[in-house]
C-alpha atoms as a PDB file:
ATOM      1  CA  MET A   1     -61.845  39.294  -3.922  1.00  0.00           C
ATOM      2  CA  ARG A   2     -62.846  42.864  -3.071  1.00  0.00           C
ATOM      3  CA  THR A   3     -64.364  42.345   0.334  1.00  0.00           C
ATOM      4  CA  SER A   4     -66.350  45.174   1.949  1.00  0.00           C
ATOM      5  CA  ARG A   5     -67.773  43.358   5.056  1.00  0.00           C
ATOM      6  CA  LEU A   6     -66.939  40.216   7.059  1.00  0.00           C
ATOM      7  CA  PHE A   7     -69.010  38.626   9.881  1.00  0.00           C
ATOM      8  CA  SER A   8     -67.774  35.777  12.024  1.00  0.00           C
ATOM      9  CA  VAL A   9     -70.821  33.573  12.962  1.00  0.00           C
ATOM     10  CA  ILE A  10     -71.536  30.293  14.673  1.00  0.00           C
ATOM     11  CA  ASP A  11     -74.646  28.448  13.374  1.00  0.00           C
ATOM     12  CA  SER A  12     -76.606  26.037  15.593  1.00  0.00           C
ATOM     13  CA  HIS A  13     -79.952  24.450  15.770  1.00  0.00           C
ATOM     14  CA  THR A  14     -82.147  24.048  18.805  1.00  0.00           C
ATOM     15  CA  THR A  15     -84.206  20.866  18.175  1.00  0.00           C
ATOM     16  CA  GLY A  16     -84.301  21.877  14.549  1.00  0.00           C
ATOM     17  CA  HIS A  17     -84.650  25.622  14.591  1.00  0.00           C
ATOM     18  CA  PRO A  18     -81.537  27.668  13.526  1.00  0.00           C
ATOM     19  CA  THR A  19     -79.657  30.332  15.472  1.00  0.00           C
ATOM     20  CA  ARG A  20     -76.843  32.311  13.950  1.00  0.00           C
ATOM     21  CA  THR A  21     -74.704  33.775  16.753  1.00  0.00           C
ATOM     22  CA  VAL A  22     -72.843  36.859  15.421  1.00  0.00           C
ATOM     23  CA  ILE A  23     -69.382  36.858  16.981  1.00  0.00           C
ATOM     24  CA  SER A  24     -67.945  39.884  15.138  1.00  0.00           C
ATOM     25  CA  GLY A  25     -68.773  42.361  12.412  1.00  0.00           C
ATOM     26  CA  ILE A  26     -71.678  44.283  14.055  1.00  0.00           C
ATOM     27  CA  PRO A  27     -70.755  48.016  14.389  1.00  0.00           C
ATOM     28  CA  PRO A  28     -70.886  49.787  17.760  1.00  0.00           C
ATOM     29  CA  LEU A  29     -74.421  50.472  18.831  1.00  0.00           C
ATOM     30  CA  ARG A  30     -75.778  53.458  20.751  1.00  0.00           C
ATOM     31  CA  GLY A  31     -77.897  53.095  23.843  1.00  0.00           C
ATOM     32  CA  GLN A  32     -77.739  52.539  27.605  1.00  0.00           C
ATOM     33  CA  SER A  33     -79.877  49.330  27.556  1.00  0.00           C
ATOM     34  CA  VAL A  34     -80.061  46.244  25.321  1.00  0.00           C
ATOM     35  CA  LEU A  35     -83.445  47.461  24.146  1.00  0.00           C
ATOM     36  CA  THR A  36     -82.083  50.795  22.971  1.00  0.00           C
ATOM     37  CA  GLN A  37     -79.054  49.170  21.353  1.00  0.00           C
ATOM     38  CA  ARG A  38     -81.418  46.814  19.548  1.00  0.00           C
ATOM     39  CA  ASP A  39     -83.543  49.765  18.426  1.00  0.00           C
ATOM     40  CA  ASP A  40     -80.423  51.596  17.229  1.00  0.00           C
ATOM     41  CA  PHE A  41     -79.524  48.558  15.118  1.00  0.00           C
ATOM     42  CA  ARG A  42     -83.005  48.549  13.656  1.00  0.00           C
ATOM     43  CA  ALA A  43     -83.006  52.250  12.916  1.00  0.00           C
ATOM     44  CA  VAL A  44     -79.443  52.527  11.460  1.00  0.00           C
ATOM     45  CA  HIS A  45     -78.285  49.083  10.424  1.00  0.00           C
ATOM     46  CA  ASP A  46     -81.414  47.218   9.365  1.00  0.00           C
ATOM     47  CA  GLY A  47     -79.774  46.353   6.037  1.00  0.00           C
ATOM     48  CA  LEU A  48     -77.463  44.026   7.972  1.00  0.00           C
ATOM     49  CA  ARG A  49     -80.570  41.954   8.928  1.00  0.00           C
ATOM     50  CA  GLY A  50     -81.058  40.975   5.319  1.00  0.00           C
ATOM     51  CA  LEU A  51     -77.387  40.457   4.728  1.00  0.00           C
ATOM     52  CA  LEU A  52     -77.084  38.095   7.735  1.00  0.00           C
ATOM     53  CA  LEU A  53     -80.330  36.247   7.546  1.00  0.00           C
ATOM     54  CA  HIS A  54     -81.888  36.443   4.104  1.00  0.00           C
ATOM     55  CA  GLU A  55     -81.013  34.412   1.008  1.00  0.00           C
ATOM     56  CA  PRO A  56     -78.421  33.734  -0.299  1.00  0.00           C
ATOM     57  CA  ARG A  57     -76.677  33.458   3.106  1.00  0.00           C
ATOM     58  CA  GLY A  58     -79.743  32.487   5.071  1.00  0.00           C
ATOM     59  CA  HIS A  59     -83.407  31.701   4.663  1.00  0.00           C
ATOM     60  CA  ALA A  60     -86.915  32.577   5.938  1.00  0.00           C
ATOM     61  CA  ALA A  61     -86.560  30.733   9.269  1.00  0.00           C
ATOM     62  CA  MET A  62     -83.132  32.145  10.268  1.00  0.00           C
ATOM     63  CA  VAL A  63     -82.758  33.913  13.658  1.00  0.00           C
ATOM     64  CA  ALA A  64     -79.651  35.808  14.881  1.00  0.00           C
ATOM     65  CA  ALA A  65     -78.414  36.232  18.419  1.00  0.00           C
ATOM     66  CA  VAL A  66     -76.398  39.428  18.767  1.00  0.00           C
ATOM     67  CA  PRO A  67     -74.358  39.830  22.065  1.00  0.00           C
ATOM     68  CA  VAL A  68     -73.998  43.413  23.276  1.00  0.00           C
ATOM     69  CA  PRO A  69     -72.829  45.093  26.479  1.00  0.00           C
ATOM     70  CA  SER A  70     -75.223  45.331  29.451  1.00  0.00           C
ATOM     71  CA  ARG A  71     -75.240  47.657  32.467  1.00  0.00           C
ATOM     72  CA  GLU A  72     -77.930  45.682  34.248  1.00  0.00           C
ATOM     73  CA  ALA A  73     -76.819  41.999  33.829  1.00  0.00           C
ATOM     74  CA  ASP A  74     -73.638  39.927  33.166  1.00  0.00           C
ATOM     75  CA  GLN A  75     -74.174  40.448  29.437  1.00  0.00           C
ATOM     76  CA  GLY A  76     -76.676  41.538  26.877  1.00  0.00           C
ATOM     77  CA  LEU A  77     -78.295  39.801  23.914  1.00  0.00           C
ATOM     78  CA  PHE A  78     -80.847  40.775  21.327  1.00  0.00           C
ATOM     79  CA  PHE A  79     -82.544  38.799  18.636  1.00  0.00           C
ATOM     80  CA  ILE A  80     -83.267  39.300  14.960  1.00  0.00           C
ATOM     81  CA  SER A  81     -85.402  37.060  12.769  1.00  0.00           C
ATOM     82  CA  SER A  82     -85.479  37.201   9.043  1.00  0.00           C
ATOM     83  CA  TYR A  83     -88.585  39.388   9.096  1.00  0.00           C
ATOM     84  CA  VAL A  84     -89.052  40.952  12.559  1.00  0.00           C
ATOM     85  CA  TYR A  85     -87.191  41.962  15.699  1.00  0.00           C
ATOM     86  CA  LEU A  86     -87.867  39.807  18.698  1.00  0.00           C
ATOM     87  CA  ASP A  87     -87.936  41.034  22.369  1.00  0.00           C
ATOM     88  CA  MET A  88     -87.077  37.546  23.575  1.00  0.00           C
ATOM     89  CA  CYS A  89     -86.248  34.201  21.954  1.00  0.00           C
ATOM     90  CA  GLY A  90     -85.770  31.002  23.954  1.00  0.00           C
ATOM     91  CA  HIS A  91     -84.384  28.747  21.306  1.00  0.00           C
ATOM     92  CA  ALA A  92     -81.810  31.398  20.234  1.00  0.00           C
ATOM     93  CA  THR A  93     -80.708  31.882  23.804  1.00  0.00           C
ATOM     94  CA  ILE A  94     -80.014  28.184  24.068  1.00  0.00           C
ATOM     95  CA  GLY A  95     -78.235  28.222  20.772  1.00  0.00           C
ATOM     96  CA  TYR A  96     -76.049  31.149  21.903  1.00  0.00           C
ATOM     97  CA  ILE A  97     -74.975  29.411  25.049  1.00  0.00           C
ATOM     98  CA  ALA A  98     -74.250  26.185  23.085  1.00  0.00           C
ATOM     99  CA  SER A  99     -72.164  28.302  20.687  1.00  0.00           C
ATOM    100  CA  LEU A 100     -70.112  29.773  23.517  1.00  0.00           C
ATOM    101  CA  ALA A 101     -69.562  26.307  24.971  1.00  0.00           C
ATOM    102  CA  ALA A 102     -68.414  25.000  21.612  1.00  0.00           C
ATOM    103  CA  THR A 103     -65.704  27.641  21.428  1.00  0.00           C
ATOM    104  CA  GLY A 104     -64.737  27.465  25.107  1.00  0.00           C
ATOM    105  CA  ALA A 105     -66.067  31.003  25.648  1.00  0.00           C
ATOM    106  CA  LEU A 106     -68.588  30.394  28.430  1.00  0.00           C
ATOM    107  CA  PRO A 107     -68.219  33.150  31.077  1.00  0.00           C
ATOM    108  CA  GLN A 108     -66.000  32.293  34.031  1.00  0.00           C
ATOM    109  CA  GLY A 109     -68.124  30.648  36.716  1.00  0.00           C
ATOM    110  CA  PHE A 110     -70.918  29.668  34.375  1.00  0.00           C
ATOM    111  CA  GLU A 111     -70.715  26.044  35.308  1.00  0.00           C
ATOM    112  CA  GLN A 112     -71.422  26.865  39.001  1.00  0.00           C
ATOM    113  CA  ASN A 113     -73.582  29.971  38.764  1.00  0.00           C
ATOM    114  CA  GLY A 114     -74.917  30.470  35.305  1.00  0.00           C
ATOM    115  CA  VAL A 115     -75.200  33.895  33.810  1.00  0.00           C
ATOM    116  CA  SER A 116     -77.745  36.787  33.826  1.00  0.00           C
ATOM    117  CA  ILE A 117     -78.566  38.099  30.341  1.00  0.00           C
ATOM    118  CA  GLU A 118     -80.362  41.416  29.675  1.00  0.00           C
ATOM    119  CA  THR A 119     -82.714  41.051  26.672  1.00  0.00           C
ATOM    120  CA  PRO A 120     -85.173  43.610  25.241  1.00  0.00           C
ATOM    121  CA  ALA A 121     -87.897  41.774  27.224  1.00  0.00           C
ATOM    122  CA  GLY A 122     -86.098  41.897  30.519  1.00  0.00           C
ATOM    123  CA  ILE A 123     -83.389  40.072  32.455  1.00  0.00           C
ATOM    124  CA  ILE A 124     -83.284  36.257  32.236  1.00  0.00           C
ATOM    125  CA  HIS A 125     -81.020  33.760  33.974  1.00  0.00           C
ATOM    126  CA  VAL A 126     -79.351  30.953  32.108  1.00  0.00           C
ATOM    127  CA  ALA A 127     -77.518  27.957  33.511  1.00  0.00           C
ATOM    128  CA  GLY A 128     -76.248  24.663  32.200  1.00  0.00           C
ATOM    129  CA  ALA A 129     -76.076  20.985  32.996  1.00  0.00           C
ATOM    130  CA  PHE A 130     -72.701  19.392  32.495  1.00  0.00           C
ATOM    131  CA  GLU A 131     -71.247  15.894  32.213  1.00  0.00           C
ATOM    132  CA  ALA A 132     -67.481  15.588  32.411  1.00  0.00           C
ATOM    133  CA  ARG A 133     -67.405  19.385  31.982  1.00  0.00           C
ATOM    134  CA  GLN A 134     -69.223  19.129  28.656  1.00  0.00           C
ATOM    135  CA  LEU A 135     -72.488  21.083  28.309  1.00  0.00           C
ATOM    136  CA  THR A 136     -75.388  18.710  27.941  1.00  0.00           C
ATOM    137  CA  SER A 137     -78.395  21.065  28.291  1.00  0.00           C
ATOM    138  CA  VAL A 138     -79.220  24.696  28.837  1.00  0.00           C
ATOM    139  CA  VAL A 139     -81.696  25.837  31.552  1.00  0.00           C
ATOM    140  CA  LEU A 140     -83.408  29.101  30.880  1.00  0.00           C
ATOM    141  CA  ARG A 141     -85.344  31.039  33.546  1.00  0.00           C
ATOM    142  CA  ASN A 142     -87.448  33.387  31.449  1.00  0.00           C
ATOM    143  CA  VAL A 143     -89.047  36.745  32.143  1.00  0.00           C
ATOM    144  CA  PRO A 144     -92.348  36.831  34.175  1.00  0.00           C
ATOM    145  CA  SER A 145     -95.013  35.190  31.975  1.00  0.00           C
ATOM    146  CA  TYR A 146     -98.771  35.495  32.382  1.00  0.00           C
ATOM    147  CA  LEU A 147    -102.186  34.682  30.953  1.00  0.00           C
ATOM    148  CA  ALA A 148    -103.561  37.848  29.449  1.00  0.00           C
ATOM    149  CA  CYS A 149    -107.053  36.692  28.250  1.00  0.00           C
ATOM    150  CA  ALA A 150    -108.886  33.366  28.501  1.00  0.00           C
ATOM    151  CA  ASP A 151    -111.454  31.808  26.281  1.00  0.00           C
ATOM    152  CA  VAL A 152    -111.278  34.302  23.398  1.00  0.00           C
ATOM    153  CA  ALA A 153    -113.594  33.186  20.571  1.00  0.00           C
ATOM    154  CA  VAL A 154    -113.064  34.542  17.039  1.00  0.00           C
ATOM    155  CA  GLU A 155    -114.604  33.818  13.654  1.00  0.00           C
ATOM    156  CA  VAL A 156    -111.996  32.680  11.185  1.00  0.00           C
ATOM    157  CA  GLU A 157    -112.507  32.312   7.521  1.00  0.00           C
ATOM    158  CA  ASP A 158    -112.560  28.618   6.421  1.00  0.00           C
ATOM    159  CA  LEU A 159    -112.215  27.461  10.063  1.00  0.00           C
ATOM    160  CA  GLY A 160    -115.325  28.822  11.749  1.00  0.00           C
ATOM    161  CA  THR A 161    -115.295  29.708  15.432  1.00  0.00           C
ATOM    162  CA  VAL A 162    -111.927  29.222  17.050  1.00  0.00           C
ATOM    163  CA  THR A 163    -111.385  29.573  20.854  1.00  0.00           C
ATOM    164  CA  CYS A 164    -108.009  30.379  22.293  1.00  0.00           C
ATOM    165  CA  ASP A 165    -106.197  31.897  25.259  1.00  0.00           C
ATOM    166  CA  ILE A 166    -103.776  34.771  24.897  1.00  0.00           C
ATOM    167  CA  ALA A 167    -100.602  34.574  27.007  1.00  0.00           C
ATOM    168  CA  TYR A 168     -97.262  36.271  27.279  1.00  0.00           C
ATOM    169  CA  GLY A 169     -93.890  34.536  27.539  1.00  0.00           C
ATOM    170  CA  GLY A 170     -91.567  37.251  26.323  1.00  0.00           C
ATOM    171  CA  ILE A 171     -93.817  37.481  23.176  1.00  0.00           C
ATOM    172  CA  MET A 172     -97.644  37.500  23.104  1.00  0.00           C
ATOM    173  CA  TYR A 173     -99.148  34.219  21.863  1.00  0.00           C
ATOM    174  CA  ALA A 174    -102.580  32.858  20.928  1.00  0.00           C
ATOM    175  CA  LEU A 175    -102.723  29.384  22.337  1.00  0.00           C
ATOM    176  CA  VAL A 176    -105.002  27.125  20.278  1.00  0.00           C
ATOM    177  CA  ASP A 177    -105.968  23.491  20.918  1.00  0.00           C
ATOM    178  CA  ALA A 178    -105.042  21.922  17.570  1.00  0.00           C
ATOM    179  CA  SER A 179    -108.120  19.635  17.729  1.00  0.00           C
ATOM    180  CA  GLN A 180    -110.163  22.643  16.554  1.00  0.00           C
ATOM    181  CA  VAL A 181    -108.491  22.567  13.169  1.00  0.00           C
ATOM    182  CA  ASP A 182    -109.078  19.575  10.823  1.00  0.00           C
ATOM    183  CA  ILE A 183    -105.494  19.209   9.542  1.00  0.00           C
ATOM    184  CA  PRO A 184    -103.065  16.297  10.348  1.00  0.00           C
ATOM    185  CA  PHE A 185    -100.744  17.469  13.005  1.00  0.00           C
ATOM    186  CA  ASP A 186     -97.420  16.622  11.393  1.00  0.00           C
ATOM    187  CA  ILE A 187     -94.467  18.229   9.477  1.00  0.00           C
ATOM    188  CA  ASP A 188     -95.875  17.170   6.151  1.00  0.00           C
ATOM    189  CA  HIS A 189     -98.826  19.607   6.620  1.00  0.00           C
ATOM    190  CA  ALA A 190     -96.848  22.499   8.045  1.00  0.00           C
ATOM    191  CA  SER A 191     -97.786  24.801   5.161  1.00  0.00           C
ATOM    192  CA  ARG A 192    -101.456  24.298   5.871  1.00  0.00           C
ATOM    193  CA  TRP A 193    -100.920  24.988   9.587  1.00  0.00           C
ATOM    194  CA  CYS A 194     -99.116  28.197   8.628  1.00  0.00           C
ATOM    195  CA  HIS A 195    -102.113  29.269   6.593  1.00  0.00           C
ATOM    196  CA  ALA A 196    -104.519  28.406   9.422  1.00  0.00           C
ATOM    197  CA  GLY A 197    -102.308  30.127  12.083  1.00  0.00           C
ATOM    198  CA  MET A 198    -102.047  33.337  10.086  1.00  0.00           C
ATOM    199  CA  ALA A 199    -105.837  33.371   9.567  1.00  0.00           C
ATOM    200  CA  ILE A 200    -106.343  33.090  13.337  1.00  0.00           C
ATOM    201  CA  LYS A 201    -103.761  35.757  14.116  1.00  0.00           C
ATOM    202  CA  GLU A 202    -105.214  38.206  11.640  1.00  0.00           C
ATOM    203  CA  ALA A 203    -108.735  37.635  12.899  1.00  0.00           C
ATOM    204  CA  LEU A 204    -107.579  38.108  16.512  1.00  0.00           C
ATOM    205  CA  ASN A 205    -105.579  41.225  15.882  1.00  0.00           C
ATOM    206  CA  ALA A 206    -108.444  42.737  13.960  1.00  0.00           C
ATOM    207  CA  VAL A 207    -110.719  42.694  17.031  1.00  0.00           C
ATOM    208  CA  SER A 208    -108.305  42.686  20.000  1.00  0.00           C
ATOM    209  CA  GLY A 209    -107.320  46.364  20.059  1.00  0.00           C
ATOM    210  CA  HIS A 210    -104.044  47.019  21.920  1.00  0.00           C
ATOM    211  CA  LEU A 211    -103.453  43.354  22.767  1.00  0.00           C
ATOM    212  CA  GLN A 212    -101.769  42.239  19.587  1.00  0.00           C
ATOM    213  CA  VAL A 213    -100.778  38.602  19.118  1.00  0.00           C
ATOM    214  CA  GLY A 214     -97.283  37.991  17.681  1.00  0.00           C
ATOM    215  CA  SER A 215     -97.577  34.252  16.975  1.00  0.00           C
ATOM    216  CA  VAL A 216    -100.014  31.326  17.209  1.00  0.00           C
ATOM    217  CA  LEU A 217     -99.055  28.270  19.203  1.00  0.00           C
ATOM    218  CA  PHE A 218    -101.078  25.132  18.278  1.00  0.00           C
ATOM    219  CA  HIS A 219    -100.850  22.392  20.935  1.00  0.00           C
ATOM    220  CA  ARG A 220    -101.980  18.797  21.055  1.00  0.00           C
ATOM    221  CA  ALA A 221    -101.892  16.790  24.253  1.00  0.00           C
ATOM    222  CA  ILE A 222     -99.323  14.084  24.743  1.00  0.00           C
ATOM    223  CA  LYS A 223     -98.360  12.156  27.905  1.00  0.00           C
ATOM    224  CA  GLY A 224     -96.957  14.691  30.296  1.00  0.00           C
ATOM    225  CA  GLY A 225     -97.401  17.745  28.168  1.00  0.00           C
ATOM    226  CA  ALA A 226     -98.197  18.700  24.534  1.00  0.00           C
ATOM    227  CA  ARG A 227     -96.783  18.825  21.086  1.00  0.00           C
ATOM    228  CA  HIS A 228     -96.308  22.450  19.878  1.00  0.00           C
ATOM    229  CA  LEU A 229     -96.412  24.044  16.472  1.00  0.00           C
ATOM    230  CA  VAL A 230     -95.738  27.800  16.581  1.00  0.00           C
ATOM    231  CA  ILE A 231     -96.773  29.762  13.431  1.00  0.00           C
ATOM    232  CA  LEU A 232     -94.547  32.732  12.930  1.00  0.00           C
ATOM    233  CA  ALA A 233     -95.690  34.009   9.555  1.00  0.00           C
ATOM    234  CA  GLY A 234     -97.410  32.829   6.376  1.00  0.00           C
ATOM    235  CA  ASN A 235     -94.417  30.661   5.371  1.00  0.00           C
ATOM    236  CA  LYS A 236     -92.588  30.438   8.623  1.00  0.00           C
ATOM    237  CA  PHE A 237     -92.996  28.084  11.624  1.00  0.00           C
ATOM    238  CA  ASP A 238     -90.856  27.391  14.640  1.00  0.00           C
ATOM    239  CA  ARG A 239     -89.064  24.095  14.245  1.00  0.00           C
ATOM    240  CA  SER A 240     -88.394  24.031  18.022  1.00  0.00           C
ATOM    241  CA  PRO A 241     -91.076  23.641  20.731  1.00  0.00           C
ATOM    242  CA  CYS A 242     -90.457  27.398  21.215  1.00  0.00           C
ATOM    243  CA  GLY A 243     -89.037  28.737  24.500  1.00  0.00           C
ATOM    244  CA  THR A 244     -91.161  31.817  24.738  1.00  0.00           C
ATOM    245  CA  GLY A 245     -94.216  29.887  23.509  1.00  0.00           C
ATOM    246  CA  THR A 246     -93.601  27.188  26.076  1.00  0.00           C
ATOM    247  CA  SER A 247     -93.265  29.904  28.751  1.00  0.00           C
ATOM    248  CA  ALA A 248     -96.668  31.332  27.683  1.00  0.00           C
ATOM    249  CA  ARG A 249     -98.134  27.823  27.803  1.00  0.00           C
ATOM    250  CA  LEU A 250     -96.837  27.293  31.358  1.00  0.00           C
ATOM    251  CA  ALA A 251     -98.432  30.576  32.396  1.00  0.00           C
ATOM    252  CA  GLN A 252    -101.731  29.504  30.861  1.00  0.00           C
ATOM    253  CA  LEU A 253    -101.784  26.114  32.515  1.00  0.00           C
ATOM    254  CA  HIS A 254    -100.848  27.481  35.923  1.00  0.00           C
ATOM    255  CA  ALA A 255    -103.453  30.233  35.745  1.00  0.00           C
ATOM    256  CA  ARG A 256    -106.105  27.607  34.859  1.00  0.00           C
ATOM    257  CA  GLY A 257    -105.062  25.395  37.790  1.00  0.00           C
ATOM    258  CA  GLU A 258    -103.789  22.681  35.517  1.00  0.00           C
ATOM    259  CA  LEU A 259    -100.054  22.851  36.338  1.00  0.00           C
ATOM    260  CA  THR A 260     -98.616  23.292  39.817  1.00  0.00           C
ATOM    261  CA  ILE A 261     -95.274  24.900  40.721  1.00  0.00           C
ATOM    262  CA  GLY A 262     -92.450  22.486  39.975  1.00  0.00           C
ATOM    263  CA  ALA A 263     -94.622  19.938  38.133  1.00  0.00           C
ATOM    264  CA  PRO A 264     -92.794  18.804  34.871  1.00  0.00           C
ATOM    265  CA  TYR A 265     -94.154  19.661  31.417  1.00  0.00           C
ATOM    266  CA  ARG A 266     -92.901  18.061  28.234  1.00  0.00           C
ATOM    267  CA  ALA A 267     -93.055  20.386  25.203  1.00  0.00           C
ATOM    268  CA  GLU A 268     -92.325  18.537  21.955  1.00  0.00           C
ATOM    269  CA  ASN A 269     -91.826  20.132  18.551  1.00  0.00           C
ATOM    270  CA  ILE A 270     -93.614  18.899  15.490  1.00  0.00           C
ATOM    271  CA  LEU A 271     -90.702  16.397  14.895  1.00  0.00           C
ATOM    272  CA  GLY A 272     -91.177  14.924  18.440  1.00  0.00           C
ATOM    273  CA  VAL A 273     -88.001  16.406  19.908  1.00  0.00           C
ATOM    274  CA  PRO A 274     -88.660  17.861  23.404  1.00  0.00           C
ATOM    275  CA  PHE A 275     -87.942  20.726  25.743  1.00  0.00           C
ATOM    276  CA  THR A 276     -88.730  20.029  29.382  1.00  0.00           C
ATOM    277  CA  ALA A 277     -90.182  22.779  31.454  1.00  0.00           C
ATOM    278  CA  LYS A 278     -91.761  23.760  34.724  1.00  0.00           C
ATOM    279  CA  VAL A 279     -93.149  26.683  36.623  1.00  0.00           C
ATOM    280  CA  ALA A 280     -90.228  27.637  38.887  1.00  0.00           C
ATOM    281  CA  GLU A 281     -92.064  30.248  41.045  1.00  0.00           C
ATOM    282  CA  VAL A 282     -94.870  32.730  41.023  1.00  0.00           C
ATOM    283  CA  ALA A 283     -94.099  36.349  40.237  1.00  0.00           C
ATOM    284  CA  GLN A 284     -95.549  39.695  39.202  1.00  0.00           C
ATOM    285  CA  GLY A 285     -95.805  40.979  35.744  1.00  0.00           C
ATOM    286  CA  LYS A 286     -94.820  44.426  34.520  1.00  0.00           C
ATOM    287  CA  ASP A 287     -98.287  45.754  35.009  1.00  0.00           C
ATOM    288  CA  GLY A 288     -98.815  44.091  38.354  1.00  0.00           C
ATOM    289  CA  GLN A 289    -100.696  41.095  37.083  1.00  0.00           C
ATOM    290  CA  SER A 290    -100.185  37.599  38.493  1.00  0.00           C
ATOM    291  CA  ALA A 291     -97.349  35.868  36.581  1.00  0.00           C
ATOM    292  CA  VAL A 292     -94.933  32.950  36.794  1.00  0.00           C
ATOM    293  CA  ILE A 293     -91.250  32.386  36.237  1.00  0.00           C
ATOM    294  CA  PRO A 294     -90.958  29.633  33.628  1.00  0.00           C
ATOM    295  CA  GLU A 295     -87.930  27.368  33.435  1.00  0.00           C
ATOM    296  CA  VAL A 296     -87.255  25.718  30.109  1.00  0.00           C
ATOM    297  CA  ARG A 297     -84.512  23.105  29.465  1.00  0.00           C
ATOM    298  CA  GLY A 298     -83.231  22.216  26.064  1.00  0.00           C
ATOM    299  CA  MET A 299     -80.072  21.822  23.951  1.00  0.00           C
ATOM    300  CA  ALA A 300     -78.626  23.159  20.724  1.00  0.00           C
ATOM    301  CA  HIS A 301     -76.171  21.551  18.368  1.00  0.00           C
ATOM    302  CA  ILE A 302     -73.571  23.276  16.278  1.00  0.00           C
ATOM    303  CA  SER A 303     -73.963  23.181  12.507  1.00  0.00           C
ATOM    304  CA  ALA A 304     -71.271  25.541  11.212  1.00  0.00           C
ATOM    305  CA  PHE A 305     -68.458  27.912  12.044  1.00  0.00           C
ATOM    306  CA  SER A 306     -68.406  30.457   9.293  1.00  0.00           C
ATOM    307  CA  THR A 307     -67.287  33.822   8.021  1.00  0.00           C
ATOM    308  CA  LEU A 308     -69.949  35.577   6.050  1.00  0.00           C
ATOM    309  CA  VAL A 309     -68.606  37.709   3.214  1.00  0.00           C
ATOM    310  CA  LEU A 310     -70.057  40.656   1.362  1.00  0.00           C
ATOM    311  CA  GLU A 311     -68.004  41.503  -1.801  1.00  0.00           C
ATOM    312  CA  ALA A 312     -67.894  45.172  -2.835  1.00  0.00           C
ATOM    313  CA  ASP A 313     -69.679  44.528  -6.104  1.00  0.00           C
ATOM    314  CA  ASP A 314     -72.363  42.110  -4.826  1.00  0.00           C
ATOM    315  CA  PRO A 315     -75.593  43.174  -6.534  1.00  0.00           C
ATOM    316  CA  LEU A 316     -77.763  41.954  -3.589  1.00  0.00           C
ATOM    317  CA  PRO A 317     -76.114  43.366  -0.471  1.00  0.00           C
ATOM    318  CA  ALA A 318     -79.249  43.116   1.615  1.00  0.00           C
ATOM    319  CA  GLY A 319     -80.184  39.665   0.239  1.00  0.00           C
ATOM    320  CA  PHE A 320     -83.772  38.745  -0.576  1.00  0.00           C
ATOM    321  CA  LEU A 321     -86.586  36.892   1.118  1.00  0.00           C
ATOM    322  CA  PRO A 322     -89.322  35.295  -0.962  1.00  0.00           C
ATOM    323  CA  SER A 323     -92.775  35.706   0.495  1.00  0.00           C
END
């Protein structure tokens, strides 16, 4: 076998959504911050995104967590999805910590103090819950999150008028009550929800100017919280309840006076598997707006320890991704 590249990875899933933690194989990156290192990867090594995440080694829903050095925090981490670069990703952070735990590589003192992680969106704090020294859940304190716009009404083809809030939780979301869309709210109809979500996103971004929505989070009330379905692209949805989306939802509910500091919130994915969350404290956003610090708790499970191989004569070195 004439091997040209090798990548050591750990695959996990966080309530169903995959994370591929890249342990080795990424070339040295230029930049003083995690953001600039991520941008250097995008500018110089974007072909590795396809190699690592596209078929035949991955699929449309794959997300990678790439650890890098940090000058501002205990460590750095950036995130790559199969189709875009993410400033922050909650489920992948949980997957990354679970992967470190599975290999005995958690930072010294993590069990007592957790760890600070610099991401392109800012510095987050991650801790864990343990039983008999085994990690049982990951607790993520996210970047300041805020409600950007309330009660935004938009005309959407085939759906009519849809009203949503726009909120930030590391990524900008349109938060839409699923009762406005006449589709059964279950996994069997995920493709129809993807179509509806993309129609809403495109309609919003056509009229919202500089405030561009990255994803659409549909929510339907359950006891103590809501079931979430986050639409990422036309054929991609978040299998998890979404850490950044849950953060945006907490900011929305707190701004509306519907969720007090410390009150529990249950965020279920479309399969009924939950994160638990709360508003940990109030804060100030980057532009001085009122914000909150969300705390999201969940767990990931390991699915594979792998070495990804690129042979020298592979005709598809960057993989492929059906639309």
